[in-house]
Amino acid sequence: MNPQSHSEPALPRALKPGDTLGIVAPASPFDRQSFDAGVRGLESMGFNLVIPEDIFNKNGYMAGSDQRRADLLNRLFADPDIDGIICARGGYGAMRVLPLLDADAISHHPKVFVGFSDITVLLGFLVERCRMVAFHGPTVTTLGNGDPSTRNRFLSALTKPAPLSLAAASNHVIQAGSATGRFFCGNLTLFCHLTGTPFQPDFSGCILLIEDQGEAPYRIDRMLTQMMLAGCFDGLAGLALGAFTNCGSVEEIHRIVSDRLGRLNIPILAGFDVGHEAVNMTLPVGLPVLMNTSSGTLTFTGPAVGWQ
C-alpha cells in the first residue's frame, strides 16, 4: 500500500468538444461491432479519437503482450495531444501491466481516464501511485450499447467542473448512517485479487463502492471473507453496493454483505446504478464524498475535473 495514497489528488482538465481521446485496450480483445458503435457515440459527443493499431492485437485472451499494452498507456499519458483516455474493454489482463507502468511520468500528466471491471486495477494505480482522480465509468464497447443516461452522465462528469452526486436507483439501507471519506470504486473480484500485492488499495477512511458480475453468492461471501480476514476493511468509513449482475438474487447479496460486513458498524447502502448493466453511471475515484443512507445519496464535496 502506498503511504501517499491519501494525499490530495490532481484533477484532470475538463474535456470539451473538439478534444482528442486516445483509446487503449489494456486487458482483453473486444467485439468490433460494439467497439464501432462506441466510437460513433464518442464522435457524436464532439470528440476526436486516436485509435492506435496496437489495440487490435491479440495474445490469447489478452489484447497484445503485457509490454505493448503498458507502453501504449505510458505513451498516451505522455502525449500532449491526447486530452483524455478511455478503455476499449475490460476482461482480463490489466493487472499484468501494473509493474510496467511509469507512475512518476504519468503523475506529471494528469488527464481524464475512464474504465471499469478489469480496469479497476488501473483506476487504483492512478489514484494511489500517480495521485490523480480517475473515473469509474463505461468503456468504448459498453458505451455504444448503453442507456442514454449512461452517455449523458459520462459527458457531464467529464466536461463540467462542478461537484457530482448520485442517488441510489433502488435505495436499500443495509446499515443506516452517514459518513465522509475518500471515494473508491470498482469490481469486487479485482479488489480481492489485489490483496497481498504491492498494488493493494488502502481503504482506510474510504467510502467504498463495489460491484461484480457472474459470481455465485458463495464466491461473493468468500471474497468478502478473505478481504476481511486480510484486514482490507479495517478503518473503512462506509460501503455502497452497485450492480451484482448474475450473482444470485439481490436479497441474497444484501444478506451476505450484512452477515460479513455488518460487524464493521459503518453505513451500508445498496442500489447504485454502477457496474455491468446498461446503466453505468460515471463516478470520480479518489475524491472526498459524503454517503447518507437517509437520502440514499453519494455527494462529492468538490469538482472532479478542473477548468479549461
Protein backbone atom coordinates (compact mmCIF):
# COMPACT_ATOMS: atom_id res chain seq x y z
CA MET A 1 0.00 0.00 0.00
CA ASN A 2 1.22 3.44 -0.91
CA PRO A 3 1.91 5.80 2.00
CA GLN A 4 0.96 8.76 -0.23
CA SER A 5 -2.37 7.22 -1.18
CA HIS A 6 -4.46 9.72 0.79
CA SER A 7 -2.72 12.86 -0.48
CA GLU A 8 -4.85 15.35 -2.39
CA PRO A 9 -5.29 14.01 -5.95
CA ALA A 10 -4.66 16.11 -9.04
CA LEU A 11 -7.74 16.92 -11.11
CA PRO A 12 -7.62 16.23 -14.83
CA ARG A 13 -8.62 19.08 -17.11
CA ALA A 14 -12.30 19.13 -18.07
CA LEU A 15 -12.93 17.87 -21.58
CA LYS A 16 -14.65 19.97 -24.24
CA PRO A 17 -15.94 19.34 -27.77
CA GLY A 18 -13.03 19.06 -30.16
CA ASP A 19 -10.74 17.45 -27.59
CA THR A 20 -8.90 14.27 -28.50
CA LEU A 21 -9.44 10.98 -26.69
CA GLY A 22 -6.98 8.13 -27.00
CA ILE A 23 -8.38 4.59 -26.87
CA VAL A 24 -6.46 1.82 -25.11
CA ALA A 25 -7.07 -1.91 -24.70
CA PRO A 26 -5.17 -2.79 -21.51
CA ALA A 27 -6.97 -6.08 -20.89
CA SER A 28 -8.87 -8.39 -23.30
CA PRO A 29 -9.65 -8.19 -27.02
CA PHE A 30 -13.04 -6.74 -27.86
CA ASP A 31 -16.02 -7.19 -30.15
CA ARG A 32 -15.52 -4.94 -33.18
CA GLN A 33 -19.23 -4.23 -33.71
CA SER A 34 -19.68 -2.99 -30.12
CA PHE A 35 -16.44 -1.04 -30.41
CA ASP A 36 -17.53 0.69 -33.62
CA ALA A 37 -20.85 1.64 -32.01
CA GLY A 38 -18.98 3.17 -29.08
CA VAL A 39 -16.66 5.07 -31.41
CA ARG A 40 -19.67 6.56 -33.20
CA GLY A 41 -21.13 7.55 -29.84
CA LEU A 42 -17.95 9.32 -28.75
CA GLU A 43 -17.69 11.12 -32.09
CA SER A 44 -21.31 12.25 -31.77
CA MET A 45 -20.33 13.90 -28.46
CA GLY A 46 -17.84 16.03 -30.38
CA PHE A 47 -14.61 14.22 -29.51
CA ASN A 48 -11.80 13.43 -31.90
CA LEU A 49 -10.39 9.94 -31.45
CA VAL A 50 -6.95 8.42 -31.70
CA ILE A 51 -7.28 4.67 -32.25
CA PRO A 52 -3.80 3.09 -32.17
CA GLU A 53 -3.32 -0.04 -34.24
CA ASP A 54 -1.87 -1.73 -31.13
CA ILE A 55 -5.31 -2.06 -29.55
CA PHE A 56 -6.34 -4.62 -32.19
CA ASN A 57 -3.54 -7.01 -31.24
CA LYS A 58 -4.41 -10.39 -29.77
CA ASN A 59 -2.27 -12.50 -27.49
CA GLY A 60 -4.57 -15.33 -26.43
CA TYR A 61 -7.15 -13.85 -24.09
CA MET A 62 -5.34 -10.51 -23.93
CA ALA A 63 -5.14 -7.59 -26.36
CA GLY A 64 -1.41 -7.92 -27.02
CA SER A 65 1.63 -8.56 -24.87
CA ASP A 66 1.99 -7.03 -21.42
CA GLN A 67 4.78 -4.75 -22.61
CA ARG A 68 2.88 -3.43 -25.63
CA ARG A 69 -0.24 -2.73 -23.59
CA ALA A 70 1.79 -0.95 -20.89
CA ASP A 71 3.81 1.00 -23.46
CA LEU A 72 0.64 2.33 -25.06
CA LEU A 73 -0.71 3.53 -21.72
CA ASN A 74 2.59 5.23 -20.87
CA ARG A 75 2.74 6.80 -24.32
CA LEU A 76 -0.79 8.21 -24.33
CA PHE A 77 -0.40 9.76 -20.89
CA ALA A 78 2.84 11.44 -22.02
CA ASP A 79 1.40 12.65 -25.35
CA PRO A 80 0.39 16.34 -25.03
CA ASP A 81 -2.01 15.98 -27.96
CA ILE A 82 -4.12 13.43 -26.04
CA ASP A 83 -6.64 15.13 -23.75
CA GLY A 84 -8.19 12.01 -22.22
CA ILE A 85 -8.06 8.21 -22.36
CA ILE A 86 -10.89 5.69 -22.46
CA CYS A 87 -10.53 1.91 -22.35
CA ALA A 88 -11.95 -0.22 -25.14
CA ARG A 89 -12.99 -3.05 -22.83
CA GLY A 90 -12.27 -4.78 -19.54
CA GLY A 91 -12.00 -8.58 -19.47
CA TYR A 92 -8.66 -9.79 -18.09
CA GLY A 93 -5.04 -8.69 -18.18
CA ALA A 94 -4.81 -5.17 -16.76
CA MET A 95 -3.23 -6.44 -13.54
CA ARG A 96 -0.32 -7.85 -15.53
CA VAL A 97 0.74 -4.41 -16.79
CA LEU A 98 0.86 -2.71 -13.38
CA PRO A 99 4.61 -3.30 -12.77
CA LEU A 100 5.36 -1.93 -16.25
CA LEU A 101 3.64 1.44 -15.84
CA ASP A 102 5.71 4.57 -15.21
CA ALA A 103 3.89 6.09 -12.23
CA ASP A 104 6.22 9.07 -11.93
CA ALA A 105 5.88 10.06 -15.58
CA ILE A 106 2.11 9.53 -15.58
CA SER A 107 1.71 11.64 -12.45
CA HIS A 108 3.11 14.64 -14.34
CA HIS A 109 0.38 14.38 -16.97
CA PRO A 110 -2.99 14.02 -15.21
CA LYS A 111 -5.79 13.56 -17.71
CA VAL A 112 -9.24 12.00 -17.84
CA PHE A 113 -9.04 8.19 -17.72
CA VAL A 114 -12.20 6.06 -17.84
CA GLY A 115 -12.99 2.35 -17.50
CA PHE A 116 -14.44 -0.31 -15.20
CA SER A 117 -14.45 -4.04 -14.46
CA ASP A 118 -10.87 -5.31 -15.06
CA ILE A 119 -9.84 -1.65 -15.37
CA THR A 120 -10.46 -1.37 -11.60
CA VAL A 121 -6.77 -2.11 -11.03
CA LEU A 122 -5.70 0.80 -13.24
CA LEU A 123 -8.07 3.22 -11.51
CA GLY A 124 -6.49 2.28 -8.19
CA PHE A 125 -2.99 2.65 -9.64
CA LEU A 126 -3.73 6.15 -10.93
CA VAL A 127 -5.29 7.27 -7.64
CA GLU A 128 -2.73 5.77 -5.28
CA ARG A 129 0.53 5.67 -7.26
CA CYS A 130 0.00 8.70 -9.53
CA ARG A 131 -2.16 10.76 -7.15
CA MET A 132 -4.76 11.78 -9.73
CA VAL A 133 -8.53 11.43 -9.98
CA ALA A 134 -9.65 8.59 -12.27
CA PHE A 135 -13.13 7.73 -13.48
CA HIS A 136 -15.10 4.53 -12.97
CA GLY A 137 -17.36 4.53 -16.00
CA PRO A 138 -18.22 2.86 -19.29
CA THR A 139 -15.74 1.51 -21.80
CA VAL A 140 -15.99 2.12 -25.54
CA THR A 141 -17.73 -1.22 -26.12
CA THR A 142 -20.34 -0.69 -23.40
CA LEU A 143 -20.86 2.99 -24.20
CA GLY A 144 -22.15 2.15 -27.66
CA ASN A 145 -24.81 -0.18 -26.30
CA GLY A 146 -25.50 1.70 -23.09
CA ASP A 147 -28.56 3.52 -21.88
CA PRO A 148 -28.83 7.24 -22.81
CA SER A 149 -28.49 8.11 -19.12
CA THR A 150 -25.10 6.38 -19.13
CA ARG A 151 -23.91 8.53 -22.03
CA ASN A 152 -25.35 11.71 -20.52
CA ARG A 153 -23.66 11.08 -17.18
CA PHE A 154 -20.37 10.22 -18.89
CA LEU A 155 -20.37 13.51 -20.79
CA SER A 156 -21.49 15.60 -17.82
CA ALA A 157 -18.95 14.10 -15.40
CA LEU A 158 -16.01 14.70 -17.74
CA THR A 159 -16.89 18.16 -19.07
CA LYS A 160 -18.40 20.11 -16.15
CA PRO A 161 -16.15 21.34 -13.29
CA ALA A 162 -18.90 21.01 -10.69
CA PRO A 163 -19.44 18.62 -7.75
CA LEU A 164 -21.20 15.40 -8.72
CA SER A 165 -23.80 13.43 -6.83
CA LEU A 166 -25.60 10.14 -7.39
CA ALA A 167 -28.80 8.83 -5.84
CA ALA A 168 -29.35 5.11 -5.38
CA ALA A 169 -31.83 3.97 -8.01
CA SER A 170 -33.34 1.42 -5.63
CA ASN A 171 -32.41 2.71 -2.20
CA HIS A 172 -31.89 -0.24 0.16
CA VAL A 173 -30.33 0.54 3.52
CA ILE A 174 -28.40 -2.42 4.92
CA GLN A 175 -26.98 -0.40 7.80
CA ALA A 176 -28.08 3.19 8.47
CA GLY A 177 -25.86 6.20 8.94
CA SER A 178 -23.76 8.76 7.14
CA ALA A 179 -20.03 9.03 6.58
CA THR A 180 -17.48 11.06 4.69
CA GLY A 181 -14.32 9.68 3.15
CA ARG A 182 -12.21 9.28 0.05
CA PHE A 183 -14.25 7.55 -2.66
CA PHE A 184 -13.03 4.25 -4.05
CA CYS A 185 -14.99 2.23 -6.57
CA GLY A 186 -14.53 -0.96 -8.54
CA ASN A 187 -15.00 -4.64 -9.10
CA LEU A 188 -15.01 -6.85 -6.01
CA THR A 189 -13.18 -9.72 -7.71
CA LEU A 190 -10.34 -7.42 -8.78
CA PHE A 191 -10.05 -5.85 -5.33
CA CYS A 192 -9.86 -9.35 -3.88
CA HIS A 193 -7.14 -10.40 -6.35
CA LEU A 194 -5.06 -7.34 -5.44
CA THR A 195 -5.00 -8.41 -1.78
CA GLY A 196 -1.45 -9.16 -0.68
CA THR A 197 0.15 -7.48 -3.69
CA PRO A 198 2.08 -4.18 -3.70
CA PHE A 199 -0.92 -2.69 -5.51
CA GLN A 200 -3.50 -3.50 -2.82
CA PRO A 201 -5.57 -0.33 -2.25
CA ASP A 202 -5.72 1.32 1.15
CA PHE A 203 -9.42 1.58 2.04
CA SER A 204 -8.94 3.14 5.48
CA GLY A 205 -11.10 6.24 5.77
CA CYS A 206 -12.78 5.45 2.45
CA ILE A 207 -16.30 5.16 1.14
CA LEU A 208 -16.03 2.02 -0.99
CA LEU A 209 -18.47 1.08 -3.78
CA ILE A 210 -18.24 -2.48 -5.08
CA GLU A 211 -19.91 -4.28 -7.99
CA ASP A 212 -19.49 -7.60 -9.77
CA GLN A 213 -20.76 -9.90 -12.50
CA GLY A 214 -21.26 -13.63 -12.85
CA GLU A 215 -20.07 -14.64 -9.39
CA ALA A 216 -22.11 -17.17 -7.40
CA PRO A 217 -23.28 -15.97 -3.98
CA TYR A 218 -20.84 -18.25 -2.15
CA ARG A 219 -17.99 -16.66 -4.12
CA ILE A 220 -19.13 -13.18 -3.08
CA ASP A 221 -19.14 -14.45 0.51
CA ARG A 222 -15.67 -15.97 0.08
CA MET A 223 -14.16 -12.80 -1.39
CA LEU A 224 -15.61 -10.57 1.31
CA THR A 225 -14.43 -13.01 3.97
CA GLN A 226 -10.91 -13.19 2.53
CA MET A 227 -10.62 -9.42 2.36
CA MET A 228 -12.00 -9.03 5.86
CA LEU A 229 -9.53 -11.58 7.28
CA ALA A 230 -6.71 -9.83 5.42
CA GLY A 231 -7.61 -6.53 7.09
CA CYS A 232 -8.68 -4.83 3.87
CA PHE A 233 -11.75 -3.30 5.51
CA ASP A 234 -10.01 -2.05 8.65
CA GLY A 235 -10.90 1.61 9.04
CA LEU A 236 -13.42 1.59 6.19
CA ALA A 237 -15.81 4.54 6.62
CA GLY A 238 -18.76 3.35 4.54
CA LEU A 239 -19.82 0.80 1.92
CA ALA A 240 -22.01 1.22 -1.15
CA LEU A 241 -23.21 -1.53 -3.48
CA GLY A 242 -23.57 -1.21 -7.23
CA ALA A 243 -24.99 -3.87 -9.54
CA PHE A 244 -24.26 -7.54 -8.85
CA THR A 245 -25.24 -8.88 -12.26
CA ASN A 246 -25.96 -12.62 -12.49
CA CYS A 247 -24.71 -13.11 -8.94
CA GLY A 248 -27.91 -14.53 -7.47
CA SER A 249 -30.83 -12.59 -6.07
CA VAL A 250 -30.42 -9.03 -4.82
CA GLU A 251 -31.79 -10.14 -1.46
CA GLU A 252 -29.14 -12.83 -1.11
CA ILE A 253 -26.32 -10.40 -1.92
CA HIS A 254 -27.66 -7.98 0.68
CA ARG A 255 -27.85 -10.77 3.25
CA ILE A 256 -24.26 -11.84 2.57
CA VAL A 257 -22.95 -8.29 2.82
CA SER A 258 -24.85 -7.72 6.06
CA ASP A 259 -23.60 -11.00 7.53
CA ARG A 260 -19.96 -10.45 6.55
CA LEU A 261 -19.55 -6.69 6.97
CA GLY A 262 -22.35 -5.59 9.28
CA ARG A 263 -19.96 -6.05 12.21
CA LEU A 264 -17.92 -3.10 10.95
CA ASN A 265 -20.65 -0.77 12.24
CA ILE A 266 -20.48 1.50 9.22
CA PRO A 267 -23.25 2.77 6.93
CA ILE A 268 -24.00 0.33 4.11
CA LEU A 269 -26.22 1.42 1.22
CA ALA A 270 -27.22 -0.63 -1.83
CA GLY A 271 -28.89 0.12 -5.15
CA PHE A 272 -26.50 2.29 -7.16
CA ASP A 273 -26.52 2.09 -10.97
CA VAL A 274 -22.84 1.25 -11.25
CA GLY A 275 -21.46 -1.90 -12.84
CA HIS A 276 -22.16 -4.41 -15.59
CA GLU A 277 -25.57 -3.12 -16.67
CA ALA A 278 -26.81 -0.87 -19.48
CA VAL A 279 -26.97 1.94 -16.92
CA ASN A 280 -23.45 2.50 -15.56
CA MET A 281 -23.00 5.94 -14.04
CA THR A 282 -19.57 7.58 -14.23
CA LEU A 283 -18.02 8.40 -10.83
CA PRO A 284 -14.70 10.02 -9.84
CA VAL A 285 -12.36 7.80 -7.82
CA GLY A 286 -10.11 9.49 -5.28
CA LEU A 287 -12.27 12.46 -4.26
CA PRO A 288 -13.92 13.11 -0.86
CA VAL A 289 -17.58 12.07 -0.80
CA LEU A 290 -20.46 12.08 1.67
CA MET A 291 -22.66 8.98 1.80
CA ASN A 292 -26.03 9.39 3.51
CA THR A 293 -28.38 6.43 3.83
CA SER A 294 -31.35 8.65 4.75
CA SER A 295 -31.24 10.46 1.41
CA GLY A 296 -29.77 7.46 -0.40
CA THR A 297 -27.05 9.58 -1.97
CA LEU A 298 -23.37 9.94 -2.67
CA THR A 299 -22.41 13.62 -2.76
CA PHE A 300 -18.91 14.69 -3.77
CA THR A 301 -17.55 17.73 -1.98
CA GLY A 302 -15.67 19.21 -4.94
CA PRO A 303 -15.44 19.08 -8.73
CA ALA A 304 -13.99 16.01 -10.46
CA VAL A 305 -12.35 17.94 -13.30
CA GLY A 306 -10.53 21.26 -13.43
CA TRP A 307 -11.25 24.33 -15.51
CA GLN A 308 -10.06 24.55 -19.09
